[in-house]
Amino acid sequence: MDTKTNAYLLGGPLDGSTREAQSALHEVELDGMIHRYVRTTKQHGDETVYNYDGMVAPDGGEPGVEDPAARVASPKADAEGHGGTH
């Protein structure tokens, strides 16, 4: 069961900021790219620490860079209707 939690983001472009997260994977779209943060078991005060896990394009891989069919699914991108192949 996913619940809302105060997330302390560690690393990446939002390093040191606090956001509300609703699952173990927290995704934020910045400048057309999705930045992923993953929940840890560590605490920063009353906040749960989320480690930066990298950046993905909303539509998945780009031909010549990576295989679009092998992209790691982004729940945020999928919910927003970006068309990667699965």
N, C-alpha and C. Protein backbone atom coordinates (compact mmCIF):
# COMPACT_ATOMS: atom_id res chain seq x y z
N MET A 1 0.84 -1.18 0.00
CA MET A 1 0.00 0.00 0.00
C MET A 1 0.88 1.24 0.00
N ASP A 2 0.69 2.11 -0.96
CA ASP A 2 1.46 3.34 -1.04
C ASP A 2 0.78 4.42 -0.21
N THR A 3 1.59 5.17 0.52
CA THR A 3 1.05 6.28 1.31
C THR A 3 1.89 7.51 1.05
N LYS A 4 1.35 8.66 1.38
CA LYS A 4 2.10 9.90 1.21
C LYS A 4 3.16 10.00 2.30
N THR A 5 4.32 10.50 1.91
CA THR A 5 5.41 10.68 2.85
C THR A 5 6.19 11.92 2.47
N ASN A 6 6.82 12.54 3.44
CA ASN A 6 7.71 13.65 3.14
C ASN A 6 9.05 13.06 2.73
N ALA A 7 9.47 13.38 1.52
CA ALA A 7 10.70 12.82 0.95
C ALA A 7 11.80 13.87 0.95
N TYR A 8 12.96 13.49 1.45
CA TYR A 8 14.16 14.31 1.37
C TYR A 8 14.96 13.77 0.19
N LEU A 9 15.11 14.58 -0.87
CA LEU A 9 15.77 14.12 -2.10
C LEU A 9 17.27 14.32 -2.00
N LEU A 10 18.00 13.24 -2.23
CA LEU A 10 19.45 13.24 -2.10
C LEU A 10 20.08 12.99 -3.47
N GLY A 11 20.86 13.96 -3.96
CA GLY A 11 21.52 13.84 -5.25
C GLY A 11 20.67 14.43 -6.36
N GLY A 12 21.23 14.46 -7.55
CA GLY A 12 20.51 14.95 -8.71
C GLY A 12 20.21 16.44 -8.65
N PRO A 13 19.35 16.91 -9.54
CA PRO A 13 19.09 18.34 -9.65
C PRO A 13 18.29 18.92 -8.48
N LEU A 14 17.65 18.07 -7.69
CA LEU A 14 16.84 18.54 -6.57
C LEU A 14 17.47 18.20 -5.23
N ASP A 15 18.77 18.02 -5.22
CA ASP A 15 19.50 17.63 -4.02
C ASP A 15 19.17 18.54 -2.84
N GLY A 16 18.78 17.93 -1.73
CA GLY A 16 18.51 18.67 -0.51
C GLY A 16 17.11 19.23 -0.39
N SER A 17 16.28 19.04 -1.42
CA SER A 17 14.92 19.56 -1.34
C SER A 17 13.97 18.52 -0.74
N THR A 18 12.82 18.99 -0.33
CA THR A 18 11.80 18.13 0.26
C THR A 18 10.56 18.18 -0.62
N ARG A 19 10.00 17.03 -0.89
CA ARG A 19 8.79 16.92 -1.69
C ARG A 19 7.86 15.90 -1.04
N GLU A 20 6.61 15.92 -1.43
CA GLU A 20 5.69 14.87 -1.01
C GLU A 20 5.78 13.74 -2.03
N ALA A 21 6.00 12.53 -1.55
CA ALA A 21 6.09 11.36 -2.43
C ALA A 21 4.97 10.39 -2.06
N GLN A 22 4.49 9.67 -3.06
CA GLN A 22 3.37 8.75 -2.82
C GLN A 22 3.73 7.29 -3.03
N SER A 23 4.96 7.01 -3.43
CA SER A 23 5.35 5.61 -3.63
C SER A 23 6.86 5.48 -3.45
N ALA A 24 7.37 4.27 -3.63
CA ALA A 24 8.79 4.02 -3.48
C ALA A 24 9.61 4.65 -4.60
N LEU A 25 8.97 4.92 -5.74
CA LEU A 25 9.62 5.59 -6.87
C LEU A 25 8.99 6.96 -7.01
N HIS A 26 9.79 8.00 -6.87
CA HIS A 26 9.30 9.37 -7.02
C HIS A 26 9.93 9.96 -8.27
N GLU A 27 9.09 10.44 -9.19
CA GLU A 27 9.58 11.00 -10.45
C GLU A 27 9.19 12.46 -10.55
N VAL A 28 10.13 13.26 -11.03
CA VAL A 28 9.90 14.69 -11.20
C VAL A 28 10.30 15.06 -12.63
N GLU A 29 9.44 15.79 -13.35
CA GLU A 29 9.77 16.22 -14.70
C GLU A 29 10.37 17.62 -14.64
N LEU A 30 11.57 17.75 -15.18
CA LEU A 30 12.27 19.03 -15.27
C LEU A 30 12.85 19.18 -16.67
N ASP A 31 12.59 20.28 -17.31
CA ASP A 31 13.16 20.57 -18.62
C ASP A 31 12.96 19.43 -19.63
N GLY A 32 11.79 18.81 -19.59
CA GLY A 32 11.47 17.77 -20.55
C GLY A 32 12.05 16.39 -20.26
N MET A 33 12.71 16.23 -19.14
CA MET A 33 13.27 14.94 -18.76
C MET A 33 12.69 14.53 -17.42
N ILE A 34 12.62 13.23 -17.18
CA ILE A 34 12.10 12.72 -15.91
C ILE A 34 13.28 12.28 -15.05
N HIS A 35 13.33 12.85 -13.85
CA HIS A 35 14.37 12.51 -12.87
C HIS A 35 13.74 11.59 -11.84
N ARG A 36 14.43 10.48 -11.56
CA ARG A 36 13.89 9.45 -10.68
C ARG A 36 14.62 9.41 -9.35
N TYR A 37 13.84 9.26 -8.30
CA TYR A 37 14.36 9.11 -6.94
C TYR A 37 13.73 7.86 -6.33
N VAL A 38 14.53 7.07 -5.60
CA VAL A 38 14.08 5.81 -5.03
C VAL A 38 14.15 5.89 -3.50
N ARG A 39 13.07 5.46 -2.85
CA ARG A 39 12.98 5.50 -1.39
C ARG A 39 14.02 4.58 -0.76
N THR A 40 14.62 5.04 0.33
CA THR A 40 15.55 4.22 1.11
C THR A 40 14.93 3.98 2.49
N THR A 41 15.67 3.28 3.33
CA THR A 41 15.21 3.05 4.71
C THR A 41 15.77 4.11 5.65
N LYS A 42 16.55 5.05 5.14
CA LYS A 42 17.18 6.08 5.98
C LYS A 42 16.24 7.26 6.20
N GLN A 43 16.47 7.96 7.30
CA GLN A 43 15.69 9.14 7.65
C GLN A 43 16.60 10.36 7.70
N HIS A 44 16.04 11.51 7.36
CA HIS A 44 16.70 12.81 7.51
C HIS A 44 15.73 13.65 8.32
N GLY A 45 15.92 13.65 9.64
CA GLY A 45 14.93 14.28 10.51
C GLY A 45 13.65 13.45 10.45
N ASP A 46 12.53 14.10 10.12
CA ASP A 46 11.25 13.41 10.00
C ASP A 46 10.95 12.97 8.57
N GLU A 47 11.90 13.13 7.69
CA GLU A 47 11.69 12.84 6.27
C GLU A 47 12.40 11.56 5.86
N THR A 48 11.80 10.85 4.92
CA THR A 48 12.40 9.64 4.37
C THR A 48 13.35 10.05 3.24
N VAL A 49 14.55 9.49 3.25
CA VAL A 49 15.55 9.82 2.22
C VAL A 49 15.24 9.05 0.94
N TYR A 50 15.25 9.78 -0.18
CA TYR A 50 15.11 9.21 -1.52
C TYR A 50 16.41 9.50 -2.27
N ASN A 51 17.07 8.46 -2.77
CA ASN A 51 18.32 8.62 -3.53
C ASN A 51 18.03 8.84 -5.01
N TYR A 52 18.84 9.69 -5.62
CA TYR A 52 18.73 9.95 -7.06
C TYR A 52 19.08 8.69 -7.83
N ASP A 53 18.24 8.34 -8.80
CA ASP A 53 18.44 7.12 -9.58
C ASP A 53 18.68 7.41 -11.06
N GLY A 54 18.74 8.67 -11.44
CA GLY A 54 19.04 8.99 -12.82
C GLY A 54 17.92 9.70 -13.54
N MET A 55 18.17 9.93 -14.82
CA MET A 55 17.27 10.70 -15.66
C MET A 55 16.88 9.85 -16.86
N VAL A 56 15.61 9.92 -17.24
CA VAL A 56 15.12 9.19 -18.41
C VAL A 56 14.29 10.14 -19.27
N ALA A 57 14.27 9.87 -20.57
CA ALA A 57 13.41 10.63 -21.47
C ALA A 57 11.99 10.10 -21.32
N PRO A 58 10.99 10.97 -21.35
CA PRO A 58 9.61 10.51 -21.18
C PRO A 58 9.18 9.47 -22.21
N ASP A 59 9.70 9.54 -23.42
CA ASP A 59 9.34 8.58 -24.46
C ASP A 59 10.27 7.38 -24.51
N GLY A 60 11.17 7.28 -23.56
CA GLY A 60 12.07 6.14 -23.52
C GLY A 60 13.33 6.39 -24.33
N GLY A 61 13.96 5.31 -24.73
CA GLY A 61 15.23 5.39 -25.46
C GLY A 61 15.10 6.03 -26.81
N GLU A 62 16.16 6.60 -27.26
CA GLU A 62 16.22 7.23 -28.57
C GLU A 62 17.01 6.32 -29.50
N PRO A 63 16.55 6.09 -30.73
CA PRO A 63 17.31 5.25 -31.66
C PRO A 63 18.74 5.77 -31.81
N GLY A 64 19.68 4.85 -31.77
CA GLY A 64 21.08 5.21 -31.89
C GLY A 64 21.74 5.50 -30.56
N VAL A 65 20.94 5.72 -29.54
CA VAL A 65 21.48 5.96 -28.21
C VAL A 65 21.22 4.74 -27.34
N GLU A 66 19.99 4.29 -27.33
CA GLU A 66 19.63 3.07 -26.63
C GLU A 66 18.45 2.45 -27.35
N ASP A 67 18.16 1.22 -27.06
CA ASP A 67 17.08 0.49 -27.71
C ASP A 67 15.74 0.93 -27.11
N PRO A 68 14.89 1.64 -27.88
CA PRO A 68 13.61 2.11 -27.34
C PRO A 68 12.74 0.98 -26.81
N ALA A 69 12.83 -0.20 -27.39
CA ALA A 69 12.00 -1.31 -26.94
C ALA A 69 12.45 -1.85 -25.58
N ALA A 70 13.68 -1.56 -25.19
CA ALA A 70 14.21 -2.08 -23.94
C ALA A 70 14.20 -1.04 -22.83
N ARG A 71 13.47 0.05 -23.04
CA ARG A 71 13.48 1.12 -22.04
C ARG A 71 12.89 0.65 -20.73
N VAL A 72 13.34 1.25 -19.66
CA VAL A 72 12.76 1.00 -18.35
C VAL A 72 11.51 1.85 -18.26
N ALA A 73 10.40 1.25 -17.95
CA ALA A 73 9.13 1.97 -17.91
C ALA A 73 9.16 3.07 -16.86
N SER A 74 8.59 4.19 -17.20
CA SER A 74 8.44 5.31 -16.28
C SER A 74 6.95 5.46 -15.99
N PRO A 75 6.52 5.15 -14.77
CA PRO A 75 5.10 5.29 -14.46
C PRO A 75 4.56 6.69 -14.75
N LYS A 76 5.36 7.73 -14.47
CA LYS A 76 4.92 9.10 -14.72
C LYS A 76 4.73 9.33 -16.22
N ALA A 77 5.69 8.90 -17.02
CA ALA A 77 5.58 9.08 -18.47
C ALA A 77 4.42 8.28 -19.03
N ASP A 78 4.25 7.06 -18.55
CA ASP A 78 3.15 6.23 -19.03
C ASP A 78 1.80 6.85 -18.67
N ALA A 79 1.68 7.38 -17.46
CA ALA A 79 0.43 8.01 -17.02
C ALA A 79 0.11 9.24 -17.84
N GLU A 80 1.15 9.93 -18.33
CA GLU A 80 0.95 11.14 -19.11
C GLU A 80 0.80 10.85 -20.60
N GLY A 81 0.82 9.55 -20.98
CA GLY A 81 0.56 9.17 -22.36
C GLY A 81 1.75 9.27 -23.30
N HIS A 82 2.96 9.34 -22.75
CA HIS A 82 4.13 9.32 -23.64
C HIS A 82 4.25 7.92 -24.21
N GLY A 83 4.55 7.85 -25.51
CA GLY A 83 4.51 6.56 -26.18
C GLY A 83 5.81 5.85 -26.28
N GLY A 84 6.29 5.17 -25.33
CA GLY A 84 7.42 4.26 -25.52
C GLY A 84 6.87 2.90 -25.86
N THR A 85 7.71 2.03 -26.34
CA THR A 85 7.24 0.67 -26.59
C THR A 85 7.59 -0.17 -25.39
N HIS A 86 6.75 -1.11 -25.09
CA HIS A 86 6.97 -1.97 -23.92
C HIS A 86 7.14 -3.40 -24.35
